């Protein structure tokens, strides 16, 4: 099963829409957004993904109350607050916005994948048995917008760059 991993969209509707479309075309079944979605008006765009979407907060929170109210309108979008701890595709997954905390979660050995964001820079590293994935940014501030497709069967990590 393929997972789409996104982060740091910072209210950039066109890039988020393109990422969702590319993830759908690639056959992703579940989408994770690792924080800094920011505004409630971004949720309907995120909800265009045809499967479950898991969303956490980042350091640019917008209005969490309004975000939560908007998420409630969509059955496929799940708002987890600061952290998420999930089982998908036979994997134990933790989500947190900050890479420092992600490395800490990974060091416990309790998770197969730990997903994070914040730096706007793509990075994949292994901490013990755990793979830590930062997909880069959807915003496109630090370069081309990127997200990750992760294959739960092969363990392949594919960095997807959105063209302008």
N, C-alpha and C. Protein backbone atom coordinates (compact mmCIF):
# COMPACT_ATOMS: atom_id res chain seq x y z
N UNK A 1 0.85 -1.17 0.00
CA UNK A 1 0.00 0.00 0.00
C UNK A 1 0.89 1.24 0.00
N UNK A 2 0.48 2.26 -0.74
CA UNK A 2 1.23 3.51 -0.79
C UNK A 2 0.62 4.53 0.16
N UNK A 3 1.51 5.24 0.86
CA UNK A 3 1.12 6.33 1.74
C UNK A 3 1.64 7.63 1.15
N UNK A 4 0.84 8.69 1.20
CA UNK A 4 1.29 10.02 0.81
C UNK A 4 1.61 10.79 2.09
N UNK A 5 2.81 11.39 2.13
CA UNK A 5 3.26 12.11 3.31
C UNK A 5 3.57 13.54 2.89
N UNK A 6 2.84 14.50 3.48
CA UNK A 6 2.96 15.91 3.14
C UNK A 6 3.22 16.71 4.40
N UNK A 7 3.75 17.92 4.22
CA UNK A 7 3.91 18.82 5.36
C UNK A 7 4.06 20.25 4.87
N UNK A 8 3.83 21.17 5.78
CA UNK A 8 4.14 22.59 5.56
C UNK A 8 3.57 23.15 4.27
N UNK A 9 2.25 23.06 4.14
CA UNK A 9 1.58 23.63 2.97
C UNK A 9 1.34 25.13 3.11
N UNK A 10 1.28 25.64 4.35
CA UNK A 10 1.21 27.08 4.62
C UNK A 10 0.22 27.82 3.72
N UNK A 11 -0.98 27.28 3.60
CA UNK A 11 -2.07 27.94 2.87
C UNK A 11 -1.85 28.06 1.36
N UNK A 12 -0.95 27.29 0.80
CA UNK A 12 -0.73 27.34 -0.66
C UNK A 12 -1.68 26.34 -1.33
N UNK A 13 -2.88 26.82 -1.66
CA UNK A 13 -3.92 25.98 -2.23
C UNK A 13 -3.48 25.29 -3.52
N UNK A 14 -2.92 26.01 -4.51
CA UNK A 14 -2.57 25.33 -5.76
C UNK A 14 -1.57 24.18 -5.57
N UNK A 15 -0.55 24.37 -4.73
CA UNK A 15 0.43 23.30 -4.52
C UNK A 15 -0.17 22.13 -3.76
N UNK A 16 -1.03 22.40 -2.78
CA UNK A 16 -1.68 21.31 -2.06
C UNK A 16 -2.58 20.52 -3.01
N UNK A 17 -3.31 21.22 -3.83
CA UNK A 17 -4.20 20.55 -4.78
C UNK A 17 -3.38 19.69 -5.76
N UNK A 18 -2.24 20.19 -6.22
CA UNK A 18 -1.38 19.42 -7.13
C UNK A 18 -0.80 18.19 -6.43
N UNK A 19 -0.41 18.35 -5.17
CA UNK A 19 0.14 17.22 -4.42
C UNK A 19 -0.92 16.14 -4.21
N UNK A 20 -2.13 16.54 -3.85
CA UNK A 20 -3.22 15.59 -3.66
C UNK A 20 -3.51 14.85 -4.97
N UNK A 21 -3.52 15.57 -6.07
CA UNK A 21 -3.76 14.97 -7.37
C UNK A 21 -2.67 13.97 -7.73
N UNK A 22 -1.42 14.34 -7.52
CA UNK A 22 -0.29 13.43 -7.82
C UNK A 22 -0.34 12.20 -6.93
N UNK A 23 -0.66 12.38 -5.66
CA UNK A 23 -0.75 11.23 -4.74
C UNK A 23 -1.85 10.28 -5.18
N UNK A 24 -2.98 10.84 -5.58
CA UNK A 24 -4.10 10.03 -6.05
C UNK A 24 -3.70 9.26 -7.32
N UNK A 25 -3.06 9.94 -8.27
CA UNK A 25 -2.61 9.30 -9.51
C UNK A 25 -1.61 8.18 -9.24
N UNK A 26 -0.79 8.33 -8.21
CA UNK A 26 0.22 7.33 -7.87
C UNK A 26 -0.38 6.14 -7.11
N UNK A 27 -1.65 6.24 -6.74
CA UNK A 27 -2.32 5.14 -6.06
C UNK A 27 -2.18 5.16 -4.55
N UNK A 28 -1.84 6.31 -3.97
CA UNK A 28 -1.75 6.40 -2.51
C UNK A 28 -3.12 6.13 -1.90
N UNK A 29 -3.14 5.39 -0.81
CA UNK A 29 -4.41 5.01 -0.17
C UNK A 29 -4.70 5.81 1.09
N UNK A 30 -3.63 6.32 1.76
CA UNK A 30 -3.76 7.10 2.99
C UNK A 30 -2.84 8.30 2.87
N UNK A 31 -3.29 9.44 3.40
CA UNK A 31 -2.50 10.67 3.34
C UNK A 31 -2.23 11.17 4.76
N UNK A 32 -1.01 11.62 4.98
CA UNK A 32 -0.60 12.20 6.26
C UNK A 32 -0.12 13.63 6.00
N UNK A 33 -0.63 14.58 6.77
CA UNK A 33 -0.14 15.96 6.69
C UNK A 33 0.50 16.29 8.04
N UNK A 34 1.80 16.55 8.02
CA UNK A 34 2.61 16.66 9.24
C UNK A 34 2.69 18.07 9.81
N UNK A 35 1.68 18.87 9.59
CA UNK A 35 1.59 20.17 10.26
C UNK A 35 1.82 21.37 9.36
N UNK A 36 1.40 22.52 9.88
CA UNK A 36 1.44 23.80 9.18
C UNK A 36 0.56 23.82 7.93
N UNK A 37 -0.63 23.25 8.07
CA UNK A 37 -1.68 23.43 7.07
C UNK A 37 -2.22 24.86 7.22
N UNK A 38 -2.40 25.27 8.42
CA UNK A 38 -2.76 26.59 8.95
C UNK A 38 -4.25 26.91 8.90
N UNK A 39 -4.79 27.34 7.76
CA UNK A 39 -6.14 27.90 7.73
C UNK A 39 -7.22 26.86 7.47
N UNK A 40 -8.39 27.07 8.07
CA UNK A 40 -9.51 26.15 7.85
C UNK A 40 -9.89 26.01 6.38
N UNK A 41 -9.66 27.04 5.56
CA UNK A 41 -10.04 26.94 4.15
C UNK A 41 -9.19 25.93 3.38
N UNK A 42 -8.12 25.43 3.99
CA UNK A 42 -7.28 24.40 3.35
C UNK A 42 -7.88 23.00 3.51
N UNK A 43 -8.73 22.81 4.50
CA UNK A 43 -9.26 21.47 4.80
C UNK A 43 -10.06 20.89 3.63
N UNK A 44 -10.95 21.64 2.96
CA UNK A 44 -11.66 21.04 1.82
C UNK A 44 -10.71 20.58 0.71
N UNK A 45 -9.60 21.27 0.54
CA UNK A 45 -8.62 20.85 -0.47
C UNK A 45 -7.99 19.54 -0.03
N UNK A 46 -7.61 19.44 1.22
CA UNK A 46 -7.04 18.21 1.76
C UNK A 46 -8.04 17.06 1.66
N UNK A 47 -9.32 17.37 1.86
CA UNK A 47 -10.39 16.36 1.80
C UNK A 47 -10.63 15.83 0.39
N UNK A 48 -10.04 16.45 -0.62
CA UNK A 48 -10.15 15.95 -1.99
C UNK A 48 -9.43 14.62 -2.15
N UNK A 49 -8.54 14.29 -1.21
CA UNK A 49 -7.88 12.99 -1.25
C UNK A 49 -8.95 11.93 -1.04
N UNK A 50 -8.94 10.85 -1.84
CA UNK A 50 -10.05 9.89 -1.78
C UNK A 50 -10.04 8.93 -0.59
N UNK A 51 -8.97 8.88 0.18
CA UNK A 51 -8.91 7.98 1.33
C UNK A 51 -8.77 8.74 2.63
N UNK A 52 -8.44 8.02 3.70
CA UNK A 52 -8.24 8.67 4.98
C UNK A 52 -7.09 9.68 4.95
N UNK A 53 -7.31 10.80 5.63
CA UNK A 53 -6.29 11.85 5.76
C UNK A 53 -6.08 12.09 7.24
N UNK A 54 -4.82 12.05 7.67
CA UNK A 54 -4.47 12.31 9.07
C UNK A 54 -3.70 13.62 9.14
N UNK A 55 -4.15 14.52 10.01
CA UNK A 55 -3.62 15.88 10.09
C UNK A 55 -3.23 16.21 11.52
N UNK A 56 -2.04 16.79 11.69
CA UNK A 56 -1.63 17.30 12.99
C UNK A 56 -1.31 18.80 12.88
N UNK A 57 -1.19 19.43 14.02
CA UNK A 57 -0.80 20.84 14.08
C UNK A 57 0.70 20.99 13.90
N UNK A 58 1.11 22.17 13.49
CA UNK A 58 2.52 22.53 13.45
C UNK A 58 2.74 23.73 14.33
N UNK A 59 3.80 24.46 14.09
CA UNK A 59 4.07 25.67 14.88
C UNK A 59 3.26 26.87 14.36
N UNK A 60 2.82 26.84 13.12
CA UNK A 60 1.93 27.86 12.58
C UNK A 60 0.52 27.29 12.64
N UNK A 61 -0.17 27.56 13.74
CA UNK A 61 -1.41 26.88 14.07
C UNK A 61 -2.66 27.47 13.44
N UNK A 62 -2.63 28.70 13.05
CA UNK A 62 -3.88 29.32 12.64
C UNK A 62 -4.82 29.31 13.84
N UNK A 63 -6.06 28.91 13.61
CA UNK A 63 -7.05 28.81 14.68
C UNK A 63 -7.45 27.34 14.83
N UNK A 64 -6.86 26.62 15.80
CA UNK A 64 -7.16 25.19 15.94
C UNK A 64 -8.65 24.88 16.13
N UNK A 65 -9.37 25.78 16.80
CA UNK A 65 -10.80 25.56 17.02
C UNK A 65 -11.55 25.57 15.68
N UNK A 66 -11.29 26.57 14.85
CA UNK A 66 -11.95 26.63 13.54
C UNK A 66 -11.49 25.49 12.63
N UNK A 67 -10.22 25.13 12.75
CA UNK A 67 -9.69 24.01 11.98
C UNK A 67 -10.45 22.72 12.33
N UNK A 68 -10.63 22.51 13.62
CA UNK A 68 -11.35 21.31 14.09
C UNK A 68 -12.80 21.31 13.59
N UNK A 69 -13.45 22.47 13.62
CA UNK A 69 -14.83 22.57 13.13
C UNK A 69 -14.90 22.26 11.63
N UNK A 70 -13.94 22.74 10.88
CA UNK A 70 -13.93 22.48 9.44
C UNK A 70 -13.68 21.00 9.15
N UNK A 71 -12.74 20.40 9.88
CA UNK A 71 -12.44 18.98 9.70
C UNK A 71 -13.69 18.13 9.95
N UNK A 72 -14.52 18.51 10.89
CA UNK A 72 -15.72 17.74 11.24
C UNK A 72 -16.69 17.61 10.06
N UNK A 73 -16.55 18.45 9.06
CA UNK A 73 -17.42 18.40 7.89
C UNK A 73 -17.05 17.27 6.93
N UNK A 74 -15.87 16.67 7.11
CA UNK A 74 -15.36 15.69 6.15
C UNK A 74 -15.06 14.37 6.86
N UNK A 75 -15.72 13.31 6.43
CA UNK A 75 -15.56 12.01 7.07
C UNK A 75 -14.15 11.44 6.92
N UNK A 76 -13.46 11.78 5.84
CA UNK A 76 -12.15 11.18 5.59
C UNK A 76 -10.99 11.92 6.25
N UNK A 77 -11.22 13.09 6.82
CA UNK A 77 -10.14 13.87 7.42
C UNK A 77 -10.20 13.72 8.94
N UNK A 78 -9.06 13.37 9.52
CA UNK A 78 -8.96 13.13 10.95
C UNK A 78 -7.92 14.07 11.55
N UNK A 79 -8.36 14.92 12.47
CA UNK A 79 -7.50 15.91 13.11
C UNK A 79 -7.05 15.36 14.45
N UNK A 80 -5.73 15.26 14.65
CA UNK A 80 -5.18 14.61 15.84
C UNK A 80 -4.56 15.57 16.85
N UNK A 81 -4.51 16.85 16.56
CA UNK A 81 -3.86 17.78 17.49
C UNK A 81 -2.35 17.80 17.30
N UNK A 82 -1.61 17.74 18.40
CA UNK A 82 -0.13 17.85 18.36
C UNK A 82 0.56 16.62 17.80
N UNK A 83 0.02 15.44 18.10
CA UNK A 83 0.65 14.18 17.75
C UNK A 83 -0.40 13.22 17.21
N UNK A 84 0.06 12.23 16.46
CA UNK A 84 -0.81 11.12 16.05
C UNK A 84 -0.03 9.83 16.20
N UNK A 85 -0.71 8.80 16.68
CA UNK A 85 -0.13 7.47 16.82
C UNK A 85 -1.12 6.52 16.17
N UNK A 86 -0.73 5.92 15.06
CA UNK A 86 -1.65 5.21 14.19
C UNK A 86 -1.09 3.86 13.74
N UNK A 87 -1.99 3.02 13.27
CA UNK A 87 -1.63 1.77 12.59
C UNK A 87 -2.19 1.88 11.18
N UNK A 88 -1.33 1.78 10.18
CA UNK A 88 -1.77 1.78 8.78
C UNK A 88 -0.88 0.85 7.99
N UNK A 89 -1.48 0.06 7.14
CA UNK A 89 -0.71 -0.83 6.28
C UNK A 89 0.19 -1.79 7.05
N UNK A 90 -0.25 -2.17 8.25
CA UNK A 90 0.53 -3.08 9.07
C UNK A 90 1.70 -2.43 9.78
N UNK A 91 1.77 -1.11 9.72
CA UNK A 91 2.87 -0.38 10.35
C UNK A 91 2.38 0.46 11.51
N UNK A 92 3.24 0.60 12.50
CA UNK A 92 3.00 1.50 13.62
C UNK A 92 3.63 2.84 13.25
N UNK A 93 2.81 3.90 13.27
CA UNK A 93 3.25 5.21 12.77
C UNK A 93 3.00 6.28 13.82
N UNK A 94 4.01 7.15 14.02
CA UNK A 94 3.87 8.33 14.87
C UNK A 94 4.04 9.56 13.98
N UNK A 95 3.27 10.60 14.28
CA UNK A 95 3.41 11.88 13.58
C UNK A 95 3.63 12.98 14.60
N UNK A 96 4.60 13.84 14.30
CA UNK A 96 4.88 15.02 15.11
C UNK A 96 5.50 16.05 14.17
N UNK A 97 5.25 17.31 14.39
CA UNK A 97 5.75 18.32 13.46
C UNK A 97 7.27 18.49 13.54
N UNK A 98 7.83 18.37 14.72
CA UNK A 98 9.23 18.74 14.94
C UNK A 98 10.19 17.56 14.78
N UNK A 99 11.24 17.71 13.96
CA UNK A 99 12.21 16.62 13.75
C UNK A 99 12.91 16.15 15.02
N UNK A 100 13.19 17.06 15.94
CA UNK A 100 13.87 16.67 17.19
C UNK A 100 13.00 15.68 17.97
N UNK A 101 11.70 15.98 18.06
CA UNK A 101 10.78 15.07 18.74
C UNK A 101 10.61 13.78 17.95
N UNK A 102 10.62 13.89 16.62
CA UNK A 102 10.50 12.69 15.78
C UNK A 102 11.65 11.73 16.06
N UNK A 103 12.87 12.24 16.15
CA UNK A 103 14.01 11.37 16.46
C UNK A 103 13.85 10.73 17.83
N UNK A 104 13.29 11.46 18.78
CA UNK A 104 13.04 10.91 20.11
C UNK A 104 12.03 9.78 20.07
N UNK A 105 10.92 9.97 19.33
CA UNK A 105 9.94 8.90 19.18
C UNK A 105 10.57 7.69 18.50
N UNK A 106 11.38 7.94 17.48
CA UNK A 106 12.03 6.85 16.75
C UNK A 106 12.97 6.07 17.68
N UNK A 107 13.67 6.77 18.55
CA UNK A 107 14.64 6.12 19.44
C UNK A 107 13.99 5.14 20.41
N UNK A 108 12.68 5.28 20.64
CA UNK A 108 12.00 4.34 21.53
C UNK A 108 11.91 2.95 20.92
N UNK A 109 11.97 2.87 19.60
CA UNK A 109 11.82 1.60 18.91
C UNK A 109 10.39 1.11 18.83
N UNK A 110 9.44 1.94 19.24
CA UNK A 110 8.02 1.55 19.26
C UNK A 110 7.32 1.71 17.91
N UNK A 111 7.97 2.37 16.95
CA UNK A 111 7.30 2.71 15.69
C UNK A 111 8.12 2.23 14.50
N UNK A 112 7.39 1.87 13.43
CA UNK A 112 8.04 1.54 12.17
C UNK A 112 8.39 2.82 11.42
N UNK A 113 7.48 3.79 11.46
CA UNK A 113 7.67 5.08 10.78
C UNK A 113 7.37 6.21 11.75
N UNK A 114 8.19 7.25 11.68
CA UNK A 114 7.88 8.50 12.37
C UNK A 114 7.92 9.59 11.30
N UNK A 115 6.84 10.36 11.20
CA UNK A 115 6.67 11.38 10.18
C UNK A 115 6.74 12.76 10.82
N UNK A 116 7.45 13.69 10.16
CA UNK A 116 7.60 15.03 10.72
C UNK A 116 7.69 16.06 9.59
N UNK A 117 7.91 17.30 9.95
CA UNK A 117 8.02 18.40 8.99
C UNK A 117 8.90 19.49 9.56
N UNK A 118 8.39 20.71 9.54
CA UNK A 118 8.94 21.90 10.18
C UNK A 118 10.13 22.54 9.46
N UNK A 119 11.11 21.77 9.02
CA UNK A 119 12.32 22.36 8.44
C UNK A 119 12.14 22.77 6.98
N UNK A 120 11.11 22.29 6.34
CA UNK A 120 10.83 22.51 4.92
C UNK A 120 11.86 21.82 4.03
N UNK A 121 12.63 20.91 4.60
CA UNK A 121 13.70 20.23 3.86
C UNK A 121 13.46 18.72 3.90
N UNK A 122 13.48 18.09 2.73
CA UNK A 122 13.33 16.64 2.63
C UNK A 122 14.49 15.95 3.33
N UNK A 123 14.14 14.97 4.16
CA UNK A 123 15.18 14.19 4.84
C UNK A 123 14.59 12.85 5.28
N UNK A 124 15.35 11.79 5.05
CA UNK A 124 14.97 10.46 5.49
C UNK A 124 16.16 9.90 6.26
N UNK A 125 15.91 9.39 7.45
CA UNK A 125 16.99 8.78 8.22
C UNK A 125 16.45 7.61 9.00
N UNK A 126 17.35 6.71 9.35
CA UNK A 126 16.97 5.54 10.14
C UNK A 126 17.53 5.73 11.54
N UNK A 127 16.66 5.53 12.53
CA UNK A 127 17.05 5.56 13.94
C UNK A 127 16.70 4.18 14.48
N UNK A 128 17.70 3.34 14.67
CA UNK A 128 17.44 1.96 15.06
C UNK A 128 16.64 1.27 13.98
N UNK A 129 15.50 0.72 14.34
CA UNK A 129 14.65 0.03 13.37
C UNK A 129 13.63 0.96 12.69
N UNK A 130 13.59 2.20 13.13
CA UNK A 130 12.54 3.14 12.71
C UNK A 130 13.02 4.06 11.61
N UNK A 131 12.17 4.25 10.61
CA UNK A 131 12.44 5.19 9.54
C UNK A 131 11.77 6.51 9.87
N UNK A 132 12.54 7.60 9.84
CA UNK A 132 12.02 8.95 10.08
C UNK A 132 11.97 9.65 8.72
N UNK A 133 10.79 10.18 8.38
CA UNK A 133 10.60 10.82 7.08
C UNK A 133 10.11 12.25 7.28
N UNK A 134 10.87 13.19 6.72
CA UNK A 134 10.43 14.58 6.58
C UNK A 134 10.25 14.79 5.08
N UNK A 135 9.02 15.00 4.61
CA UNK A 135 8.76 15.06 3.17
C UNK A 135 9.16 16.37 2.51
N UNK A 136 9.69 17.32 3.26
CA UNK A 136 9.94 18.65 2.70
C UNK A 136 8.69 19.49 2.84
N UNK A 137 8.48 20.37 1.89
CA UNK A 137 7.37 21.32 2.01
C UNK A 137 6.50 21.36 0.76
N UNK A 138 5.22 21.56 0.98
CA UNK A 138 4.29 21.80 -0.12
C UNK A 138 4.35 23.27 -0.53
N UNK A 139 4.69 24.15 0.39
CA UNK A 139 4.72 25.59 0.12
C UNK A 139 5.62 25.96 -1.06
N UNK A 140 6.83 25.43 -1.11
CA UNK A 140 7.75 25.77 -2.17
C UNK A 140 8.63 26.98 -1.86
N UNK A 141 8.76 27.33 -0.59
CA UNK A 141 9.57 28.48 -0.18
C UNK A 141 11.07 28.20 -0.28
N UNK A 142 11.47 26.98 0.07
CA UNK A 142 12.90 26.63 0.10
C UNK A 142 13.36 25.91 -1.17
N UNK A 143 12.56 25.94 -2.20
CA UNK A 143 12.85 25.22 -3.43
C UNK A 143 11.57 24.65 -3.98
N UNK A 144 11.71 23.65 -4.83
CA UNK A 144 10.52 23.02 -5.41
C UNK A 144 9.68 22.36 -4.32
N UNK A 145 8.36 22.47 -4.42
CA UNK A 145 7.50 21.78 -3.46
C UNK A 145 7.69 20.26 -3.58
N UNK A 146 7.73 19.59 -2.43
CA UNK A 146 7.92 18.14 -2.43
C UNK A 146 6.99 17.47 -1.43
N UNK A 147 6.74 16.20 -1.71
CA UNK A 147 6.10 15.32 -0.74
C UNK A 147 6.67 13.93 -0.96
N UNK A 148 6.25 12.96 -0.16
CA UNK A 148 6.80 11.62 -0.24
C UNK A 148 5.69 10.61 -0.47
N UNK A 149 5.99 9.63 -1.28
CA UNK A 149 5.17 8.42 -1.40
C UNK A 149 5.97 7.30 -0.75
N UNK A 150 5.34 6.60 0.18
CA UNK A 150 6.00 5.49 0.88
C UNK A 150 5.24 4.21 0.59
N UNK A 151 5.96 3.18 0.13
CA UNK A 151 5.37 1.89 -0.16
C UNK A 151 5.53 0.99 1.06
N UNK A 152 4.41 0.62 1.68
CA UNK A 152 4.46 -0.17 2.92
C UNK A 152 4.98 -1.58 2.69
N UNK A 153 4.87 -2.08 1.47
CA UNK A 153 5.34 -3.45 1.19
C UNK A 153 6.83 -3.51 0.91
N UNK A 154 7.32 -2.60 0.07
CA UNK A 154 8.74 -2.62 -0.31
C UNK A 154 9.62 -1.76 0.60
N UNK A 155 9.00 -0.82 1.32
CA UNK A 155 9.77 0.11 2.13
C UNK A 155 10.40 1.23 1.32
N UNK A 156 10.03 1.33 0.04
CA UNK A 156 10.60 2.36 -0.84
C UNK A 156 10.05 3.74 -0.48
N UNK A 157 10.97 4.70 -0.40
CA UNK A 157 10.62 6.10 -0.17
C UNK A 157 10.85 6.84 -1.48
N UNK A 158 9.79 7.44 -2.03
CA UNK A 158 9.91 8.20 -3.28
C UNK A 158 9.65 9.67 -3.00
N UNK A 159 10.65 10.49 -3.27
CA UNK A 159 10.49 11.95 -3.16
C UNK A 159 9.83 12.44 -4.43
N UNK A 160 8.68 13.11 -4.29
CA UNK A 160 7.95 13.62 -5.44
C UNK A 160 8.08 15.14 -5.45
N UNK A 161 8.61 15.65 -6.55
CA UNK A 161 8.78 17.09 -6.71
C UNK A 161 7.66 17.62 -7.62
N UNK A 162 7.00 18.66 -7.16
CA UNK A 162 5.94 19.27 -7.97
C UNK A 162 6.56 20.31 -8.88
N UNK A 163 6.27 20.21 -10.14
CA UNK A 163 6.82 21.18 -11.10
C UNK A 163 5.96 22.42 -11.13
N UNK A 164 6.60 23.56 -11.37
CA UNK A 164 5.90 24.84 -11.37
C UNK A 164 5.11 25.16 -12.56
